[in-house]
C-alpha atoms as a PDB file:
ATOM      1  CA  UNK A   1     -10.941   5.678  28.978  1.00  0.00           C
ATOM      2  CA  UNK A   2     -10.929   5.704  25.177  1.00  0.00           C
ATOM      3  CA  UNK A   3      -7.824   6.983  23.485  1.00  0.00           C
ATOM      4  CA  UNK A   4      -8.405   9.766  20.992  1.00  0.00           C
ATOM      5  CA  UNK A   5      -6.573  10.739  17.854  1.00  0.00           C
ATOM      6  CA  UNK A   6      -3.752  13.032  18.832  1.00  0.00           C
ATOM      7  CA  UNK A   7      -0.923  14.245  16.670  1.00  0.00           C
ATOM      8  CA  UNK A   8       1.692  16.739  17.886  1.00  0.00           C
ATOM      9  CA  UNK A   9       0.920  20.336  16.929  1.00  0.00           C
ATOM     10  CA  UNK A  10       3.903  20.526  14.576  1.00  0.00           C
ATOM     11  CA  UNK A  11       2.645  17.494  12.653  1.00  0.00           C
ATOM     12  CA  UNK A  12      -0.949  18.695  12.455  1.00  0.00           C
ATOM     13  CA  UNK A  13      -0.025  21.366   9.934  1.00  0.00           C
ATOM     14  CA  UNK A  14       0.496  18.497   7.459  1.00  0.00           C
ATOM     15  CA  UNK A  15      -3.208  17.666   7.837  1.00  0.00           C
ATOM     16  CA  UNK A  16      -4.580  21.092   6.988  1.00  0.00           C
ATOM     17  CA  UNK A  17      -6.748  21.124   3.847  1.00  0.00           C
ATOM     18  CA  UNK A  18      -4.417  23.647   2.216  1.00  0.00           C
ATOM     19  CA  UNK A  19      -1.582  21.113   2.231  1.00  0.00           C
ATOM     20  CA  UNK A  20      -0.986  18.697  -0.639  1.00  0.00           C
ATOM     21  CA  UNK A  21      -1.784  15.062   0.216  1.00  0.00           C
ATOM     22  CA  UNK A  22       0.950  12.470  -0.010  1.00  0.00           C
ATOM     23  CA  UNK A  23       1.088  10.419  -3.189  1.00  0.00           C
ATOM     24  CA  UNK A  24       0.960   6.782  -2.068  1.00  0.00           C
ATOM     25  CA  UNK A  25       1.549   4.324  -4.912  1.00  0.00           C
ATOM     26  CA  UNK A  26      -0.879   1.427  -4.464  1.00  0.00           C
ATOM     27  CA  UNK A  27       1.182  -1.764  -4.893  1.00  0.00           C
ATOM     28  CA  UNK A  28       3.665   0.457  -6.688  1.00  0.00           C
ATOM     29  CA  UNK A  29       2.781   2.252  -9.906  1.00  0.00           C
ATOM     30  CA  UNK A  30       0.485  -0.636 -10.801  1.00  0.00           C
ATOM     31  CA  UNK A  31      -1.153   1.124 -13.736  1.00  0.00           C
ATOM     32  CA  UNK A  32       2.275   1.237 -15.429  1.00  0.00           C
ATOM     33  CA  UNK A  33       3.903  -1.993 -14.199  1.00  0.00           C
ATOM     34  CA  UNK A  34       2.871  -5.300 -12.626  1.00  0.00           C
ATOM     35  CA  UNK A  35       1.601  -4.709  -9.107  1.00  0.00           C
ATOM     36  CA  UNK A  36       3.645  -5.603  -6.035  1.00  0.00           C
ATOM     37  CA  UNK A  37       6.862  -6.002  -8.014  1.00  0.00           C
ATOM     38  CA  UNK A  38      10.223  -4.295  -7.781  1.00  0.00           C
ATOM     39  CA  UNK A  39       9.563  -2.854 -11.252  1.00  0.00           C
ATOM     40  CA  UNK A  40       6.341  -1.184 -10.048  1.00  0.00           C
ATOM     41  CA  UNK A  41       8.111   0.130  -6.956  1.00  0.00           C
ATOM     42  CA  UNK A  42      11.009   1.576  -8.950  1.00  0.00           C
ATOM     43  CA  UNK A  43       8.589   3.193 -11.371  1.00  0.00           C
ATOM     44  CA  UNK A  44       6.644   4.833  -8.542  1.00  0.00           C
ATOM     45  CA  UNK A  45       9.866   6.126  -7.021  1.00  0.00           C
ATOM     46  CA  UNK A  46      11.066   7.492 -10.369  1.00  0.00           C
ATOM     47  CA  UNK A  47       7.758   9.305 -10.818  1.00  0.00           C
ATOM     48  CA  UNK A  48       8.196  10.995  -7.438  1.00  0.00           C
ATOM     49  CA  UNK A  49       5.662   9.175  -5.244  1.00  0.00           C
ATOM     50  CA  UNK A  50       6.125   9.825  -1.526  1.00  0.00           C
ATOM     51  CA  UNK A  51       5.880   6.141  -0.663  1.00  0.00           C
ATOM     52  CA  UNK A  52       4.491   2.865  -1.935  1.00  0.00           C
ATOM     53  CA  UNK A  53       2.199   0.230  -0.477  1.00  0.00           C
ATOM     54  CA  UNK A  54       2.629  -3.535  -0.650  1.00  0.00           C
ATOM     55  CA  UNK A  55       0.827  -6.669   0.515  1.00  0.00           C
ATOM     56  CA  UNK A  56       2.518  -9.472   2.433  1.00  0.00           C
ATOM     57  CA  UNK A  57       1.818 -13.128   1.691  1.00  0.00           C
ATOM     58  CA  UNK A  58       3.736 -16.339   2.377  1.00  0.00           C
ATOM     59  CA  UNK A  59       4.733 -19.415   0.436  1.00  0.00           C
ATOM     60  CA  UNK A  60       4.083 -23.083   1.110  1.00  0.00           C
ATOM     61  CA  UNK A  61       7.605 -23.315   2.531  1.00  0.00           C
ATOM     62  CA  UNK A  62       7.139 -20.326   4.839  1.00  0.00           C
ATOM     63  CA  UNK A  63       8.938 -17.557   2.944  1.00  0.00           C
ATOM     64  CA  UNK A  64       7.442 -14.065   2.876  1.00  0.00           C
ATOM     65  CA  UNK A  65       6.605 -12.638  -0.527  1.00  0.00           C
ATOM     66  CA  UNK A  66       4.875  -9.544  -1.885  1.00  0.00           C
ATOM     67  CA  UNK A  67       1.522 -10.648  -3.298  1.00  0.00           C
ATOM     68  CA  UNK A  68      -2.109  -9.590  -2.972  1.00  0.00           C
ATOM     69  CA  UNK A  69      -4.655 -12.175  -4.109  1.00  0.00           C
ATOM     70  CA  UNK A  70      -5.281 -15.637  -2.692  1.00  0.00           C
ATOM     71  CA  UNK A  71      -5.235 -16.973  -6.255  1.00  0.00           C
ATOM     72  CA  UNK A  72      -2.229 -16.744  -8.558  1.00  0.00           C
ATOM     73  CA  UNK A  73      -4.291 -16.374 -11.710  1.00  0.00           C
ATOM     74  CA  UNK A  74      -5.109 -12.667 -12.036  1.00  0.00           C
ATOM     75  CA  UNK A  75      -1.549 -11.374 -11.808  1.00  0.00           C
ATOM     76  CA  UNK A  76       0.481 -14.342 -13.078  1.00  0.00           C
ATOM     77  CA  UNK A  77      -1.859 -16.479 -15.199  1.00  0.00           C
ATOM     78  CA  UNK A  78      -0.959 -19.548 -13.121  1.00  0.00           C
ATOM     79  CA  UNK A  79      -3.334 -21.803 -11.211  1.00  0.00           C
ATOM     80  CA  UNK A  80      -3.157 -22.302  -7.470  1.00  0.00           C
ATOM     81  CA  UNK A  81      -3.195 -20.445  -4.162  1.00  0.00           C
ATOM     82  CA  UNK A  82      -0.293 -18.527  -2.659  1.00  0.00           C
ATOM     83  CA  UNK A  83      -0.001 -20.621   0.508  1.00  0.00           C
ATOM     84  CA  UNK A  84       0.155 -23.817  -1.574  1.00  0.00           C
ATOM     85  CA  UNK A  85       2.961 -22.511  -3.814  1.00  0.00           C
ATOM     86  CA  UNK A  86       6.652 -22.781  -2.921  1.00  0.00           C
ATOM     87  CA  UNK A  87       9.167 -19.977  -3.268  1.00  0.00           C
ATOM     88  CA  UNK A  88      10.879 -21.853  -6.091  1.00  0.00           C
ATOM     89  CA  UNK A  89       7.543 -22.143  -7.907  1.00  0.00           C
ATOM     90  CA  UNK A  90       6.886 -18.438  -7.384  1.00  0.00           C
ATOM     91  CA  UNK A  91      10.292 -17.646  -8.872  1.00  0.00           C
ATOM     92  CA  UNK A  92       9.157 -19.187 -12.169  1.00  0.00           C
ATOM     93  CA  UNK A  93       5.936 -17.164 -12.440  1.00  0.00           C
ATOM     94  CA  UNK A  94       5.802 -14.244 -14.865  1.00  0.00           C
ATOM     95  CA  UNK A  95       3.705 -11.332 -13.617  1.00  0.00           C
ATOM     96  CA  UNK A  96       5.427  -9.076 -16.138  1.00  0.00           C
ATOM     97  CA  UNK A  97       4.379 -11.144 -19.111  1.00  0.00           C
ATOM     98  CA  UNK A  98       0.855 -11.358 -17.670  1.00  0.00           C
ATOM     99  CA  UNK A  99       0.724  -7.573 -17.329  1.00  0.00           C
ATOM    100  CA  UNK A 100       1.748  -7.095 -20.957  1.00  0.00           C
ATOM    101  CA  UNK A 101      -0.846  -9.632 -22.095  1.00  0.00           C
ATOM    102  CA  UNK A 102      -3.766  -8.202 -20.114  1.00  0.00           C
ATOM    103  CA  UNK A 103      -2.923  -4.450 -19.978  1.00  0.00           C
ATOM    104  CA  UNK A 104      -5.085  -4.183 -16.825  1.00  0.00           C
ATOM    105  CA  UNK A 105      -5.304  -0.385 -16.786  1.00  0.00           C
ATOM    106  CA  UNK A 106      -5.191   0.214 -20.534  1.00  0.00           C
ATOM    107  CA  UNK A 107      -1.920   2.113 -20.322  1.00  0.00           C
ATOM    108  CA  UNK A 108      -0.173   0.056 -22.986  1.00  0.00           C
ATOM    109  CA  UNK A 109      -2.989   0.794 -25.400  1.00  0.00           C
ATOM    110  CA  UNK A 110      -2.818   4.463 -24.399  1.00  0.00           C
ATOM    111  CA  UNK A 111       0.880   4.633 -25.291  1.00  0.00           C
ATOM    112  CA  UNK A 112       1.909   5.481 -21.718  1.00  0.00           C
ATOM    113  CA  UNK A 113       4.478   2.668 -21.478  1.00  0.00           C
ATOM    114  CA  UNK A 114       7.617   3.006 -23.588  1.00  0.00           C
ATOM    115  CA  UNK A 115       9.877   0.283 -24.970  1.00  0.00           C
ATOM    116  CA  UNK A 116      12.425   0.510 -22.156  1.00  0.00           C
ATOM    117  CA  UNK A 117       9.671   0.095 -19.588  1.00  0.00           C
ATOM    118  CA  UNK A 118       8.265  -2.862 -21.523  1.00  0.00           C
ATOM    119  CA  UNK A 119      11.627  -4.633 -21.284  1.00  0.00           C
ATOM    120  CA  UNK A 120      11.747  -4.080 -17.512  1.00  0.00           C
ATOM    121  CA  UNK A 121       8.137  -5.182 -17.138  1.00  0.00           C
ATOM    122  CA  UNK A 122       8.689  -8.399 -19.076  1.00  0.00           C
ATOM    123  CA  UNK A 123      11.437  -9.447 -16.666  1.00  0.00           C
ATOM    124  CA  UNK A 124       9.407  -8.734 -13.507  1.00  0.00           C
ATOM    125  CA  UNK A 125       9.034 -11.507 -10.953  1.00  0.00           C
ATOM    126  CA  UNK A 126       7.206 -11.912  -7.642  1.00  0.00           C
ATOM    127  CA  UNK A 127       9.638 -10.460  -5.074  1.00  0.00           C
ATOM    128  CA  UNK A 128      10.320 -11.602  -1.561  1.00  0.00           C
ATOM    129  CA  UNK A 129       9.500  -9.178   1.224  1.00  0.00           C
ATOM    130  CA  UNK A 130      13.225  -8.931   1.929  1.00  0.00           C
ATOM    131  CA  UNK A 131      13.880  -7.809  -1.655  1.00  0.00           C
ATOM    132  CA  UNK A 132      11.115  -5.202  -1.464  1.00  0.00           C
ATOM    133  CA  UNK A 133      12.285  -3.772   1.856  1.00  0.00           C
ATOM    134  CA  UNK A 134      15.929  -3.806   0.800  1.00  0.00           C
ATOM    135  CA  UNK A 135      15.026  -1.850  -2.334  1.00  0.00           C
ATOM    136  CA  UNK A 136      13.065   0.683  -0.293  1.00  0.00           C
ATOM    137  CA  UNK A 137      16.015   1.171   2.036  1.00  0.00           C
ATOM    138  CA  UNK A 138      18.435   1.403  -0.905  1.00  0.00           C
ATOM    139  CA  UNK A 139      16.290   4.175  -2.417  1.00  0.00           C
ATOM    140  CA  UNK A 140      15.998   5.906   0.985  1.00  0.00           C
ATOM    141  CA  UNK A 141      12.258   5.763   0.430  1.00  0.00           C
ATOM    142  CA  UNK A 142       9.265   4.529   2.434  1.00  0.00           C
ATOM    143  CA  UNK A 143       6.810   1.640   2.179  1.00  0.00           C
ATOM    144  CA  UNK A 144       3.462   0.870   3.769  1.00  0.00           C
ATOM    145  CA  UNK A 145       3.531  -2.856   4.599  1.00  0.00           C
ATOM    146  CA  UNK A 146      -0.041  -4.144   4.730  1.00  0.00           C
ATOM    147  CA  UNK A 147      -0.669  -7.186   6.907  1.00  0.00           C
ATOM    148  CA  UNK A 148      -3.650  -9.086   5.549  1.00  0.00           C
ATOM    149  CA  UNK A 149      -5.968 -11.621   7.154  1.00  0.00           C
ATOM    150  CA  UNK A 150      -4.505 -15.113   7.331  1.00  0.00           C
ATOM    151  CA  UNK A 151      -6.153 -17.675   5.046  1.00  0.00           C
ATOM    152  CA  UNK A 152      -8.489 -20.142   6.744  1.00  0.00           C
ATOM    153  CA  UNK A 153      -6.190 -22.943   5.580  1.00  0.00           C
ATOM    154  CA  UNK A 154      -3.201 -21.475   7.488  1.00  0.00           C
ATOM    155  CA  UNK A 155      -4.609 -19.716  10.583  1.00  0.00           C
ATOM    156  CA  UNK A 156      -1.534 -20.413  12.718  1.00  0.00           C
ATOM    157  CA  UNK A 157       1.118 -18.992  10.394  1.00  0.00           C
ATOM    158  CA  UNK A 158       3.353 -16.700  12.525  1.00  0.00           C
ATOM    159  CA  UNK A 159       3.043 -13.767  10.138  1.00  0.00           C
ATOM    160  CA  UNK A 160       3.918 -10.928  12.487  1.00  0.00           C
ATOM    161  CA  UNK A 161       7.002 -12.659  13.880  1.00  0.00           C
ATOM    162  CA  UNK A 162       8.223 -13.442  10.371  1.00  0.00           C
ATOM    163  CA  UNK A 163       7.568  -9.926   9.100  1.00  0.00           C
ATOM    164  CA  UNK A 164       9.475  -8.333  11.974  1.00  0.00           C
ATOM    165  CA  UNK A 165      12.383 -10.715  11.394  1.00  0.00           C
ATOM    166  CA  UNK A 166      12.532  -9.707   7.720  1.00  0.00           C
ATOM    167  CA  UNK A 167      12.370  -6.012   8.598  1.00  0.00           C
ATOM    168  CA  UNK A 168      15.312  -6.568  10.939  1.00  0.00           C
ATOM    169  CA  UNK A 169      17.251  -8.494   8.284  1.00  0.00           C
ATOM    170  CA  UNK A 170      16.668  -5.765   5.692  1.00  0.00           C
ATOM    171  CA  UNK A 171      18.106  -3.053   7.920  1.00  0.00           C
ATOM    172  CA  UNK A 172      15.020  -0.920   7.268  1.00  0.00           C
ATOM    173  CA  UNK A 173      13.823   1.204  10.176  1.00  0.00           C
ATOM    174  CA  UNK A 174      10.811   3.392  10.964  1.00  0.00           C
ATOM    175  CA  UNK A 175      12.061   5.956   8.461  1.00  0.00           C
ATOM    176  CA  UNK A 176      11.561   3.340   5.722  1.00  0.00           C
ATOM    177  CA  UNK A 177       8.689   1.143   6.938  1.00  0.00           C
ATOM    178  CA  UNK A 178       5.217   1.692   8.346  1.00  0.00           C
ATOM    179  CA  UNK A 179       2.495  -0.895   8.907  1.00  0.00           C
ATOM    180  CA  UNK A 180      -1.192  -0.979   8.049  1.00  0.00           C
ATOM    181  CA  UNK A 181      -3.842  -3.619   8.543  1.00  0.00           C
ATOM    182  CA  UNK A 182      -7.545  -4.262   8.709  1.00  0.00           C
ATOM    183  CA  UNK A 183      -6.706  -6.820  11.394  1.00  0.00           C
ATOM    184  CA  UNK A 184      -6.420  -4.314  14.209  1.00  0.00           C
ATOM    185  CA  UNK A 185      -5.159  -6.815  16.781  1.00  0.00           C
ATOM    186  CA  UNK A 186      -1.923  -6.915  14.772  1.00  0.00           C
ATOM    187  CA  UNK A 187      -1.596  -3.162  15.066  1.00  0.00           C
ATOM    188  CA  UNK A 188      -2.183  -3.401  18.817  1.00  0.00           C
ATOM    189  CA  UNK A 189       0.516  -6.069  19.046  1.00  0.00           C
ATOM    190  CA  UNK A 190       2.921  -3.971  16.984  1.00  0.00           C
ATOM    191  CA  UNK A 191       2.276  -0.970  19.219  1.00  0.00           C
ATOM    192  CA  UNK A 192       3.394  -3.057  22.193  1.00  0.00           C
ATOM    193  CA  UNK A 193       6.353  -4.769  20.574  1.00  0.00           C
ATOM    194  CA  UNK A 194       7.693  -2.127  18.197  1.00  0.00           C
ATOM    195  CA  UNK A 195       6.231   1.244  19.206  1.00  0.00           C
ATOM    196  CA  UNK A 196       8.722   3.130  17.032  1.00  0.00           C
ATOM    197  CA  UNK A 197       6.868   2.119  13.848  1.00  0.00           C
ATOM    198  CA  UNK A 198       3.992   4.160  12.449  1.00  0.00           C
ATOM    199  CA  UNK A 199       0.664   2.294  12.333  1.00  0.00           C
ATOM    200  CA  UNK A 200      -2.337   2.879  10.083  1.00  0.00           C
ATOM    201  CA  UNK A 201      -5.741   1.248  10.617  1.00  0.00           C
ATOM    202  CA  UNK A 202      -7.641   0.110   7.533  1.00  0.00           C
ATOM    203  CA  UNK A 203     -11.383   0.516   7.941  1.00  0.00           C
ATOM    204  CA  UNK A 204     -14.421   0.103   5.720  1.00  0.00           C
ATOM    205  CA  UNK A 205     -12.915  -2.897   3.942  1.00  0.00           C
ATOM    206  CA  UNK A 206     -16.253  -4.623   3.286  1.00  0.00           C
ATOM    207  CA  UNK A 207     -18.981  -2.894   1.264  1.00  0.00           C
ATOM    208  CA  UNK A 208     -21.746  -3.207   3.892  1.00  0.00           C
ATOM    209  CA  UNK A 209     -19.681  -3.365   7.081  1.00  0.00           C
ATOM    210  CA  UNK A 210     -20.437  -0.507   9.510  1.00  0.00           C
ATOM    211  CA  UNK A 211     -17.446   1.798   9.738  1.00  0.00           C
ATOM    212  CA  UNK A 212     -15.919   1.673  13.209  1.00  0.00           C
ATOM    213  CA  UNK A 213     -13.267   4.251  14.017  1.00  0.00           C
ATOM    214  CA  UNK A 214     -12.267   2.169  17.046  1.00  0.00           C
ATOM    215  CA  UNK A 215     -12.813   5.020  19.500  1.00  0.00           C
ATOM    216  CA  UNK A 216     -10.298   7.018  17.460  1.00  0.00           C
ATOM    217  CA  UNK A 217      -7.416   5.246  19.153  1.00  0.00           C
ATOM    218  CA  UNK A 218      -5.214   5.219  16.047  1.00  0.00           C
ATOM    219  CA  UNK A 219      -3.525   8.308  14.682  1.00  0.00           C
ATOM    220  CA  UNK A 220      -4.043   7.357  11.041  1.00  0.00           C
ATOM    221  CA  UNK A 221      -6.977   5.739   9.251  1.00  0.00           C
ATOM    222  CA  UNK A 222      -6.920   4.355   5.727  1.00  0.00           C
ATOM    223  CA  UNK A 223     -10.490   4.476   4.431  1.00  0.00           C
ATOM    224  CA  UNK A 224     -12.024   3.112   1.235  1.00  0.00           C
ATOM    225  CA  UNK A 225     -13.108   5.983  -1.011  1.00  0.00           C
ATOM    226  CA  UNK A 226     -16.561   4.464  -1.576  1.00  0.00           C
ATOM    227  CA  UNK A 227     -17.166   4.327   2.177  1.00  0.00           C
ATOM    228  CA  UNK A 228     -16.250   7.860   3.199  1.00  0.00           C
ATOM    229  CA  UNK A 229     -17.462  11.312   2.198  1.00  0.00           C
ATOM    230  CA  UNK A 230     -15.263  14.409   2.246  1.00  0.00           C
ATOM    231  CA  UNK A 231     -17.262  15.690   5.251  1.00  0.00           C
ATOM    232  CA  UNK A 232     -16.274  12.574   7.211  1.00  0.00           C
ATOM    233  CA  UNK A 233     -12.641  13.214   6.312  1.00  0.00           C
ATOM    234  CA  UNK A 234     -12.997  16.762   7.644  1.00  0.00           C
ATOM    235  CA  UNK A 235     -14.494  15.408  10.880  1.00  0.00           C
ATOM    236  CA  UNK A 236     -11.609  12.995  11.400  1.00  0.00           C
ATOM    237  CA  UNK A 237      -9.054  15.698  10.659  1.00  0.00           C
ATOM    238  CA  UNK A 238     -10.776  17.982  13.180  1.00  0.00           C
ATOM    239  CA  UNK A 239     -10.175  15.267  15.803  1.00  0.00           C
ATOM    240  CA  UNK A 240      -6.463  15.290  15.009  1.00  0.00           C
ATOM    241  CA  UNK A 241      -6.518  12.103  12.937  1.00  0.00           C
ATOM    242  CA  UNK A 242      -4.724  11.659   9.647  1.00  0.00           C
ATOM    243  CA  UNK A 243      -6.810  10.126   6.865  1.00  0.00           C
ATOM    244  CA  UNK A 244      -5.534   8.336   3.780  1.00  0.00           C
ATOM    245  CA  UNK A 245      -8.183   7.487   1.191  1.00  0.00           C
ATOM    246  CA  UNK A 246      -7.949   4.447  -1.113  1.00  0.00           C
ATOM    247  CA  UNK A 247      -8.064   3.750  -4.025  1.00  0.00           C
ATOM    248  CA  UNK A 248      -8.399   7.199  -5.634  1.00  0.00           C
ATOM    249  CA  UNK A 249      -7.731   7.284  -9.382  1.00  0.00           C
ATOM    250  CA  UNK A 250     -10.136   9.958 -10.615  1.00  0.00           C
ATOM    251  CA  UNK A 251      -8.850  13.551 -10.734  1.00  0.00           C
ATOM    252  CA  UNK A 252     -12.098  15.072  -9.436  1.00  0.00           C
ATOM    253  CA  UNK A 253     -12.086  12.686  -6.479  1.00  0.00           C
ATOM    254  CA  UNK A 254      -8.438  13.458  -5.805  1.00  0.00           C
ATOM    255  CA  UNK A 255      -9.313  17.134  -5.620  1.00  0.00           C
ATOM    256  CA  UNK A 256     -12.357  16.609  -3.375  1.00  0.00           C
ATOM    257  CA  UNK A 257     -10.492  14.495  -0.848  1.00  0.00           C
ATOM    258  CA  UNK A 258      -7.476  16.815  -0.934  1.00  0.00           C
ATOM    259  CA  UNK A 259      -9.752  19.800  -0.255  1.00  0.00           C
ATOM    260  CA  UNK A 260     -11.259  17.889   2.681  1.00  0.00           C
ATOM    261  CA  UNK A 261      -7.818  17.520   4.265  1.00  0.00           C
ATOM    262  CA  UNK A 262      -6.829  13.958   3.369  1.00  0.00           C
ATOM    263  CA  UNK A 263      -3.235  13.369   4.445  1.00  0.00           C
ATOM    264  CA  UNK A 264      -2.625  10.967   1.578  1.00  0.00           C
ATOM    265  CA  UNK A 265      -4.216   9.436  -1.491  1.00  0.00           C
ATOM    266  CA  UNK A 266      -3.528   5.786  -2.201  1.00  0.00           C
ATOM    267  CA  UNK A 267      -3.670   5.522  -5.969  1.00  0.00           C
ATOM    268  CA  UNK A 268      -2.998   3.188  -8.876  1.00  0.00           C
ATOM    269  CA  UNK A 269      -2.096   6.300 -10.899  1.00  0.00           C
ATOM    270  CA  UNK A 270       0.612   8.159  -8.968  1.00  0.00           C
ATOM    271  CA  UNK A 271       1.584   9.800 -12.268  1.00  0.00           C
ATOM    272  CA  UNK A 272      -1.866  11.385 -12.457  1.00  0.00           C
ATOM    273  CA  UNK A 273      -1.772  12.808  -8.934  1.00  0.00           C
ATOM    274  CA  UNK A 274       1.802  14.038  -9.351  1.00  0.00           C
ATOM    275  CA  UNK A 275       0.941  15.761 -12.631  1.00  0.00           C
ATOM    276  CA  UNK A 276      -1.923  17.550 -10.876  1.00  0.00           C
ATOM    277  CA  UNK A 277       0.453  18.687  -8.135  1.00  0.00           C
ATOM    278  CA  UNK A 278       3.070  19.916 -10.607  1.00  0.00           C
ATOM    279  CA  UNK A 279       0.431  21.802 -12.572  1.00  0.00           C
ATOM    280  CA  UNK A 280      -0.994  23.421  -9.427  1.00  0.00           C
ATOM    281  CA  UNK A 281      -4.327  21.627  -9.734  1.00  0.00           C
ATOM    282  CA  UNK A 282      -4.098  19.820  -6.395  1.00  0.00           C
END
């Protein structure tokens, strides 16, 4: 028998359209600092984001790091692939300098980044997962740890075992860490091994892939904004599911998905969403 979305009655009030959606900083406050770095995480926390999201990757020597792309080039300017790069080599990369050179979201040009922030940005490095989780615990904050598909070159890397070992070493618990993935077998395995952790299923990752809500067996779905309409969000909420929409940077879209009952908005511009909340526009 298929499992259905079910959230305790007390928690369902958080899903009502009249409630403000969580501000989830996508890879940290990546419009204001280099993504997936401690600097971006600290900035998101200082702004008041409810939690941040990071991506897990691994080095050639098996260490877990916080990194999104297969290639090093976009965020560091270096050549190579993450699984071919050692931790020592990662430690010499300069995502902060790359951010200042490329201004990926135009926020330097807009004057949104002050001199003190520039100094912090310039010193940013690619963090280990342990550093990221330790920071989150130190701040008494929360992070969404996204487990991504293994590269074809390293299909046997024991990612889940290594991630759980790092979580244990960091001292972070379910109050600090939740997991998301588009690889739903990992979520099923986590549910068996560590049922105390919150799980969120990513769906609609590919532009033309049919959206499968997996018989609504997960409590929370993270859905790409270009693949879901507000009416679909309302339908999921009516089933007792929580829905986080990614990546939502436009104010009108933030308002539409909030009105539809989205539990959270995953955004590159947490400052924008938080300003809307403070001004009573969301």
